């Protein structure tokens, strides 16, 4: 069975931000809700990427730097994620903290 982890992760993040929008109680039409969802997903993905890179142990950070030095923009997202997710404990903790902080910040902002 071939599982598309990127698609699965994207679906989970989309459900997460849609729940945030619902919890905030914003009265949005479908188009505005879609725009808000896209804005939140972009921002959350940026924060998650940064958190994961910062959480890497030194040896994995060096491997990531080597990969990027070697391949530059040609490094695939899958190659980068393989390195990131090989540090499961550190990455999971960084993801949890980042998502919780992102949610808290969003919910306390003025509507």
Protein backbone atom coordinates (compact mmCIF):
# COMPACT_ATOMS: atom_id res chain seq x y z
CA UNK A 1 0.00 0.00 0.00
CA UNK A 2 1.45 3.35 -1.05
CA UNK A 3 0.47 6.10 1.40
CA UNK A 4 0.81 9.74 0.34
CA UNK A 5 2.07 11.26 3.60
CA UNK A 6 2.21 14.78 2.15
CA UNK A 7 -1.47 14.60 1.21
CA UNK A 8 -2.35 13.12 4.60
CA UNK A 9 -0.43 15.87 6.42
CA UNK A 10 -2.04 18.57 4.27
CA UNK A 11 -5.50 17.20 5.06
CA UNK A 12 -4.71 17.21 8.80
CA UNK A 13 -3.39 20.78 8.68
CA UNK A 14 -6.43 21.91 6.69
CA UNK A 15 -8.76 20.33 9.25
CA UNK A 16 -6.76 22.00 12.03
CA UNK A 17 -7.07 25.51 10.56
CA UNK A 18 -10.74 25.02 9.67
CA UNK A 19 -11.38 24.08 13.30
CA UNK A 20 -9.50 27.21 14.41
CA UNK A 21 -11.74 29.34 12.18
CA UNK A 22 -14.85 27.65 13.59
CA UNK A 23 -13.62 28.02 17.18
CA UNK A 24 -12.99 31.71 16.62
CA UNK A 25 -16.63 32.06 15.57
CA UNK A 26 -16.00 34.18 12.52
CA UNK A 27 -19.07 34.77 10.35
CA UNK A 28 -17.49 34.20 6.95
CA UNK A 29 -19.04 33.29 3.62
CA UNK A 30 -17.49 30.33 1.78
CA UNK A 31 -15.12 32.49 -0.29
CA UNK A 32 -13.85 34.44 2.74
CA UNK A 33 -13.52 31.20 4.72
CA UNK A 34 -11.44 29.67 1.91
CA UNK A 35 -9.19 32.77 1.81
CA UNK A 36 -8.76 32.71 5.60
CA UNK A 37 -7.95 28.98 5.46
CA UNK A 38 -5.34 29.50 2.73
CA UNK A 39 -3.74 32.41 4.61
CA UNK A 40 -3.56 30.38 7.80
CA UNK A 41 -2.17 27.30 6.04
CA UNK A 42 0.60 29.34 4.41
CA UNK A 43 1.53 30.94 7.71
CA UNK A 44 1.34 27.69 9.68
CA UNK A 45 3.44 25.81 7.12
CA UNK A 46 6.12 28.51 7.28
CA UNK A 47 6.18 28.33 11.08
CA UNK A 48 6.28 24.53 11.06
CA UNK A 49 9.16 24.43 8.56
CA UNK A 50 11.14 26.85 10.69
CA UNK A 51 10.37 24.96 13.92
CA UNK A 52 11.35 21.61 12.42
CA UNK A 53 14.67 22.90 11.10
CA UNK A 54 15.43 24.55 14.44
CA UNK A 55 14.61 21.33 16.30
CA UNK A 56 17.06 19.20 14.32
CA UNK A 57 19.95 17.71 16.27
CA UNK A 58 23.31 19.04 15.11
CA UNK A 59 24.21 15.97 13.02
CA UNK A 60 20.90 16.11 11.12
CA UNK A 61 21.23 19.88 10.64
CA UNK A 62 24.63 19.25 9.06
CA UNK A 63 23.13 16.63 6.73
CA UNK A 64 20.39 19.08 5.74
CA UNK A 65 22.99 21.75 5.02
CA UNK A 66 25.00 19.26 2.96
CA UNK A 67 21.89 18.29 0.97
CA UNK A 68 21.03 21.93 0.29
CA UNK A 69 24.65 22.77 -0.59
CA UNK A 70 24.81 19.81 -2.97
CA UNK A 71 21.41 20.14 -4.64
CA UNK A 72 20.28 23.68 -3.80
CA UNK A 73 16.83 24.33 -5.25
CA UNK A 74 16.93 20.88 -6.84
CA UNK A 75 16.56 19.21 -3.42
CA UNK A 76 13.09 17.76 -3.36
CA UNK A 77 10.62 18.37 -0.59
CA UNK A 78 10.55 14.61 -0.04
CA UNK A 79 14.34 14.50 0.52
CA UNK A 80 14.17 17.38 2.96
CA UNK A 81 11.22 15.89 4.83
CA UNK A 82 12.96 12.51 5.02
CA UNK A 83 15.79 14.20 6.91
CA UNK A 84 13.45 16.18 9.11
CA UNK A 85 11.25 13.24 10.02
CA UNK A 86 14.23 11.03 10.85
CA UNK A 87 14.43 13.01 14.12
CA UNK A 88 10.94 12.01 15.16
CA UNK A 89 10.95 12.93 18.85
CA UNK A 90 12.45 16.38 18.39
CA UNK A 91 10.31 17.13 15.34
CA UNK A 92 7.05 15.94 16.92
CA UNK A 93 7.66 18.10 19.97
CA UNK A 94 8.46 21.13 17.79
CA UNK A 95 5.33 20.54 15.68
CA UNK A 96 3.07 20.22 18.74
CA UNK A 97 4.46 23.37 20.37
CA UNK A 98 4.24 25.37 17.15
CA UNK A 99 0.69 24.31 16.34
CA UNK A 100 -0.53 25.02 19.89
CA UNK A 101 1.13 28.45 19.94
CA UNK A 102 -0.24 29.25 16.48
CA UNK A 103 -3.77 28.31 17.57
CA UNK A 104 -3.56 30.29 20.82
CA UNK A 105 -2.28 33.38 19.02
CA UNK A 106 -4.99 33.17 16.35
CA UNK A 107 -7.82 32.70 18.83
CA UNK A 108 -6.78 35.62 21.01
CA UNK A 109 -6.46 38.07 18.07
CA UNK A 110 -9.30 40.51 17.58
CA UNK A 111 -11.79 39.33 14.97
